[in-house]
N, C-alpha and C. Protein backbone atom coordinates (compact mmCIF):
# COMPACT_ATOMS: atom_id res chain seq x y z
N PRO A 1 66.57 28.14 73.92
CA PRO A 1 67.40 29.64 74.73
C PRO A 1 66.59 30.58 74.27
N TYR A 2 66.11 31.39 75.48
CA TYR A 2 65.21 32.76 74.91
C TYR A 2 65.46 33.81 75.80
N ALA A 3 64.96 35.02 75.24
CA ALA A 3 65.58 36.34 75.21
C ALA A 3 64.26 36.79 75.75
N GLN A 4 64.59 37.52 76.67
CA GLN A 4 63.43 38.44 77.70
C GLN A 4 63.05 39.53 76.56
N LEU A 5 61.76 40.22 76.60
CA LEU A 5 61.65 41.29 75.57
C LEU A 5 60.18 41.92 76.56
N ARG A 6 60.71 42.98 76.76
CA ARG A 6 59.62 44.08 77.34
C ARG A 6 58.23 44.79 76.14
N MET A 7 57.35 44.44 76.42
CA MET A 7 56.38 44.60 75.53
C MET A 7 56.12 45.74 75.54
N PRO A 8 55.41 46.86 74.42
CA PRO A 8 54.68 47.91 74.79
C PRO A 8 54.03 47.89 75.95
N SER A 9 52.66 46.65 76.01
CA SER A 9 52.06 46.85 77.76
C SER A 9 52.81 46.66 78.80
N GLY A 10 53.78 46.87 78.46
CA GLY A 10 54.43 46.72 80.04
C GLY A 10 54.97 44.61 80.28
N GLU A 11 54.45 43.97 79.31
CA GLU A 11 54.32 42.39 79.91
C GLU A 11 56.12 42.30 79.31
N ILE A 12 56.55 41.33 80.45
CA ILE A 12 58.14 40.65 79.95
C ILE A 12 57.39 39.18 79.63
N ARG A 13 58.13 38.72 78.60
CA ARG A 13 58.02 37.48 78.10
C ARG A 13 58.69 37.28 77.43
N ASN A 14 59.56 35.95 77.72
CA ASN A 14 60.41 35.31 76.36
C ASN A 14 60.23 35.05 75.59
N ILE A 15 61.08 35.36 74.21
CA ILE A 15 60.65 34.44 73.02
C ILE A 15 62.07 33.98 72.67
N ASP A 16 62.10 32.58 71.96
CA ASP A 16 62.90 32.33 71.32
C ASP A 16 64.20 32.94 70.50
N VAL A 17 65.13 32.60 70.91
CA VAL A 17 66.55 33.91 70.16
C VAL A 17 66.26 33.40 68.66
N ARG A 18 65.83 32.77 67.88
CA ARG A 18 65.58 32.27 66.92
C ARG A 18 65.19 32.87 66.04
N CYS A 19 63.87 33.53 66.83
CA CYS A 19 62.64 34.16 66.14
C CYS A 19 63.32 35.81 64.92
N ARG A 20 62.27 36.04 64.42
CA ARG A 20 62.47 36.98 63.62
C ARG A 20 61.13 37.58 64.09
N ALA A 21 61.64 39.16 63.92
CA ALA A 21 60.47 40.35 63.65
C ALA A 21 60.93 41.49 62.88
N THR A 22 59.73 42.22 62.53
CA THR A 22 59.58 42.92 61.53
C THR A 22 58.83 44.25 61.96
N VAL A 23 59.90 45.63 62.11
CA VAL A 23 59.67 46.68 63.05
C VAL A 23 58.74 47.64 62.01
N GLY A 24 57.64 48.05 62.87
CA GLY A 24 57.16 48.94 61.52
C GLY A 24 55.40 48.57 61.78
N GLU A 25 55.05 49.35 60.81
CA GLU A 25 53.28 49.45 60.95
C GLU A 25 52.63 48.84 59.61
N VAL A 26 51.07 48.62 59.84
CA VAL A 26 50.64 47.79 59.09
C VAL A 26 50.75 49.06 57.78
N GLY A 27 50.75 48.35 56.57
CA GLY A 27 50.81 49.61 55.35
C GLY A 27 49.00 49.54 55.19
N ASN A 28 48.10 48.62 55.58
CA ASN A 28 46.66 49.03 55.13
C ASN A 28 45.65 49.21 55.97
N ALA A 29 46.48 50.56 57.11
CA ALA A 29 45.96 50.21 58.10
C ALA A 29 43.92 50.49 58.07
N GLU A 30 43.99 51.40 57.04
CA GLU A 30 42.93 52.21 56.92
C GLU A 30 41.73 51.21 56.34
N GLN A 31 41.70 50.20 55.75
CA GLN A 31 41.24 49.18 55.15
C GLN A 31 39.92 48.91 56.25
N SER A 32 39.70 48.75 57.54
CA SER A 32 38.95 48.45 58.46
C SER A 32 37.85 49.52 58.59
N ASN A 33 38.61 50.89 57.82
CA ASN A 33 37.49 51.91 58.26
C ASN A 33 36.40 51.99 56.76
N ILE A 34 36.57 51.31 55.83
CA ILE A 34 35.49 51.41 54.28
C ILE A 34 34.17 50.90 55.17
N ASN A 35 33.56 51.45 54.62
CA ASN A 35 32.09 52.19 54.64
C ASN A 35 31.35 51.36 53.25
N TYR A 36 30.71 50.02 53.29
CA TYR A 36 30.69 49.43 52.02
C TYR A 36 29.30 50.05 51.52
N GLY A 37 28.15 50.57 52.67
CA GLY A 37 27.33 51.42 51.99
C GLY A 37 25.77 50.37 51.97
N LYS A 38 26.17 49.33 51.07
CA LYS A 38 24.76 48.99 50.72
C LYS A 38 25.15 47.43 50.67
N ALA A 39 24.38 46.32 51.01
CA ALA A 39 24.74 45.06 51.03
C ALA A 39 25.31 43.93 49.76
N GLY A 40 24.86 45.16 48.96
CA GLY A 40 24.92 44.54 47.37
C GLY A 40 26.83 44.56 46.85
N ARG A 41 27.39 45.22 47.59
CA ARG A 41 28.79 45.72 47.80
C ARG A 41 29.29 44.33 48.04
N MET A 42 28.73 44.25 49.39
CA MET A 42 29.29 42.80 50.02
C MET A 42 29.34 41.36 49.50
N ARG A 43 27.85 41.80 48.39
CA ARG A 43 27.31 40.33 47.38
C ARG A 43 28.45 40.20 46.31
N TRP A 44 28.65 41.37 45.73
CA TRP A 44 29.91 40.91 45.27
C TRP A 44 31.28 40.75 44.93
N LYS A 45 31.58 40.57 46.78
CA LYS A 45 33.20 39.98 47.22
C LYS A 45 32.50 38.61 47.89
N GLY A 46 31.56 38.59 47.62
CA GLY A 46 31.24 36.51 47.41
C GLY A 46 30.64 36.57 49.04
N LYS A 47 30.35 37.55 49.84
CA LYS A 47 30.07 37.55 51.34
C LYS A 47 28.59 37.31 51.31
N ARG A 48 27.98 36.34 51.85
CA ARG A 48 26.57 35.90 51.72
C ARG A 48 25.82 37.03 53.37
N PRO A 49 24.73 37.10 53.46
CA PRO A 49 23.64 37.67 54.33
C PRO A 49 24.12 36.51 55.78
N SER A 50 24.12 37.13 57.05
CA SER A 50 24.13 36.10 58.14
C SER A 50 22.76 36.35 58.73
N VAL A 51 22.16 35.13 58.43
CA VAL A 51 20.79 35.58 59.21
C VAL A 51 20.59 34.07 60.75
N ARG A 52 19.78 35.01 61.66
CA ARG A 52 20.12 34.58 62.96
C ARG A 52 19.14 33.04 62.59
N GLY A 53 19.57 32.22 63.88
CA GLY A 53 18.24 31.33 64.11
C GLY A 53 16.85 31.20 64.37
N VAL A 54 17.38 32.81 65.35
CA VAL A 54 16.11 32.92 66.13
C VAL A 54 14.78 33.22 65.24
N VAL A 55 15.38 33.45 63.97
CA VAL A 55 14.37 34.63 63.07
C VAL A 55 13.83 33.26 62.40
N MET A 56 14.47 32.47 61.95
CA MET A 56 14.45 31.22 61.11
C MET A 56 13.05 30.43 61.82
N ASN A 57 12.62 29.67 60.90
CA ASN A 57 11.46 28.49 61.15
C ASN A 57 12.20 27.44 61.90
N PRO A 58 11.34 26.93 62.37
CA PRO A 58 11.52 25.75 63.43
C PRO A 58 12.64 24.58 62.66
N VAL A 59 11.50 24.62 60.92
CA VAL A 59 12.23 23.30 60.57
C VAL A 59 13.62 23.47 59.98
N ASP A 60 13.82 24.84 59.95
CA ASP A 60 15.88 25.30 59.42
C ASP A 60 16.46 25.63 60.78
N HIS A 61 16.34 25.68 61.93
CA HIS A 61 17.05 26.06 63.26
C HIS A 61 16.61 25.56 64.23
N PRO A 62 17.47 25.28 65.42
CA PRO A 62 16.77 24.81 66.60
C PRO A 62 16.26 25.76 67.10
N HIS A 63 16.81 27.15 66.96
CA HIS A 63 16.06 28.36 68.00
C HIS A 63 14.98 28.93 67.00
N GLY A 64 14.47 28.33 66.00
CA GLY A 64 13.56 28.96 64.87
C GLY A 64 12.33 28.81 65.83
N GLY A 65 11.25 29.25 65.02
CA GLY A 65 9.52 29.30 65.50
C GLY A 65 9.22 30.21 66.69
N GLY A 66 8.02 29.55 67.21
CA GLY A 66 7.49 30.51 68.77
C GLY A 66 6.72 31.61 68.30
N GLU A 67 5.60 32.10 68.32
CA GLU A 67 4.73 33.23 68.83
C GLU A 67 5.21 34.39 68.60
N GLY A 68 5.31 35.27 67.66
CA GLY A 68 5.68 36.75 67.83
C GLY A 68 7.90 36.79 67.99
N LYS A 69 7.68 37.65 68.77
CA LYS A 69 9.32 37.90 68.74
C LYS A 69 9.40 36.78 70.41
N THR A 70 10.72 35.90 69.63
CA THR A 70 10.66 34.95 71.32
C THR A 70 12.49 35.12 71.03
N SER A 71 12.77 34.44 72.17
CA SER A 71 14.36 33.85 72.46
C SER A 71 14.63 33.04 71.84
N GLY A 72 15.66 31.94 71.92
CA GLY A 72 16.02 30.95 71.63
C GLY A 72 15.33 29.45 72.04
N GLY A 73 15.60 30.06 73.51
CA GLY A 73 14.92 28.77 74.18
C GLY A 73 15.58 28.05 74.22
N ARG A 74 17.41 28.25 74.06
CA ARG A 74 17.94 27.24 74.53
C ARG A 74 19.39 27.66 74.63
N HIS A 75 20.26 26.85 75.05
CA HIS A 75 21.53 27.20 74.67
C HIS A 75 22.47 27.22 73.38
N PRO A 76 22.87 28.22 72.91
CA PRO A 76 23.51 28.51 71.20
C PRO A 76 23.77 27.29 70.80
N VAL A 77 22.98 27.07 69.88
CA VAL A 77 23.54 25.69 68.65
C VAL A 77 24.01 25.99 67.71
N SER A 78 24.25 25.72 66.67
CA SER A 78 24.39 25.22 65.24
C SER A 78 23.68 25.00 64.64
N PRO A 79 23.08 25.40 63.05
CA PRO A 79 21.67 24.97 62.52
C PRO A 79 21.48 23.31 62.86
N TRP A 80 22.60 22.40 63.06
CA TRP A 80 22.30 21.12 63.23
C TRP A 80 22.30 20.54 64.77
N GLY A 81 22.12 21.64 65.71
CA GLY A 81 21.75 21.21 66.74
C GLY A 81 23.11 20.84 67.66
N LYS A 82 24.37 21.18 67.02
CA LYS A 82 25.75 20.86 68.04
C LYS A 82 26.04 22.50 68.83
N PRO A 83 26.40 22.13 70.03
CA PRO A 83 26.70 23.42 70.94
C PRO A 83 27.37 24.14 69.98
N GLU A 84 27.23 25.70 70.30
CA GLU A 84 28.41 26.57 69.31
C GLU A 84 29.07 27.21 70.29
N VAL A 85 28.62 27.86 71.81
CA VAL A 85 29.70 28.37 72.47
C VAL A 85 30.31 27.96 73.07
N ARG A 86 31.95 27.69 73.10
CA ARG A 86 32.80 27.30 73.96
C ARG A 86 33.58 28.01 75.14
N THR A 87 33.97 27.33 76.16
CA THR A 87 35.19 28.19 76.55
C THR A 87 36.52 27.39 75.61
N ARG A 88 37.65 28.75 76.45
CA ARG A 88 38.77 28.59 75.22
C ARG A 88 40.12 27.49 76.61
N LYS A 89 40.64 27.34 76.28
CA LYS A 89 41.67 26.59 76.73
C LYS A 89 43.09 27.86 76.98
N LYS A 90 44.12 27.47 77.85
CA LYS A 90 44.68 28.45 78.09
C LYS A 90 46.17 28.58 76.65
N LYS A 91 46.31 29.19 76.48
CA LYS A 91 47.47 29.61 75.50
C LYS A 91 48.34 28.74 75.28
N SER A 92 49.25 27.73 74.64
CA SER A 92 50.12 26.84 75.16
C SER A 92 51.50 28.33 75.36
N SER A 93 51.67 29.32 74.72
CA SER A 93 52.81 30.48 74.91
C SER A 93 52.38 30.82 76.02
N ASP A 94 51.60 31.01 76.92
CA ASP A 94 51.26 31.59 78.08
C ASP A 94 52.03 31.68 79.30
N GLN A 95 53.16 30.39 78.93
CA GLN A 95 53.96 30.42 79.94
C GLN A 95 54.99 30.46 79.65
N LEU A 96 55.37 31.32 78.46
CA LEU A 96 56.65 32.12 78.39
C LEU A 96 56.86 33.55 78.92
N ILE A 97 55.41 33.89 79.60
CA ILE A 97 55.17 35.27 80.32
C ILE A 97 55.89 35.08 81.10
N VAL A 98 56.74 36.29 81.35
CA VAL A 98 57.49 36.46 82.98
C VAL A 98 56.97 36.90 83.79
N ARG A 99 55.92 38.28 83.29
CA ARG A 99 55.74 39.37 84.13
C ARG A 99 54.30 39.58 83.71
N ARG A 100 53.42 39.27 84.27
CA ARG A 100 51.62 39.97 83.36
C ARG A 100 52.22 41.59 83.12
N ARG A 101 51.25 41.94 82.27
CA ARG A 101 50.87 43.25 81.90
C ARG A 101 50.41 43.66 83.77
N PRO A 102 51.04 45.25 83.75
CA PRO A 102 50.23 45.55 85.28
C PRO A 102 49.09 46.31 84.84
N ALA A 103 48.19 45.79 85.93
CA ALA A 103 46.67 45.71 85.25
C ALA A 103 45.95 47.18 85.87
N ASN A 104 46.95 48.06 86.43
CA ASN A 104 46.37 49.30 86.86
C ASN A 104 47.05 50.55 86.11
N LYS A 105 47.60 49.55 84.51
CA LYS A 105 48.51 51.16 84.47
C LYS A 105 47.48 51.89 83.47
N SER A 106 48.01 53.24 83.86
CA SER A 106 47.53 54.35 82.84
C SER A 106 47.86 54.69 81.59
N ARG A 107 46.30 54.21 81.01
CA ARG A 107 45.84 54.44 79.45
C ARG A 107 45.93 55.86 79.36
């Protein structure tokens, strides 16, 4: 059994009547605005630097090497040569959408 719900975007979708929702706002919304200032503060949190494969040596990454600045030269792969960028399947809950949000709705 489904109930129809109009979302703030204008989309109408079915939602299981047994579902519950909390109405309100996120308590810690300012969290994303924190400027950590230096790499060290992220290291204290256990975050390690993310190094691009293009700037590595060929022994370290399939995109590495070349003379001077070069592009990767192949499709994006992991350090182990496995393809990295994937296309996404349609979400299973998309079938619950009754009417999609209007495309030209003024924002």
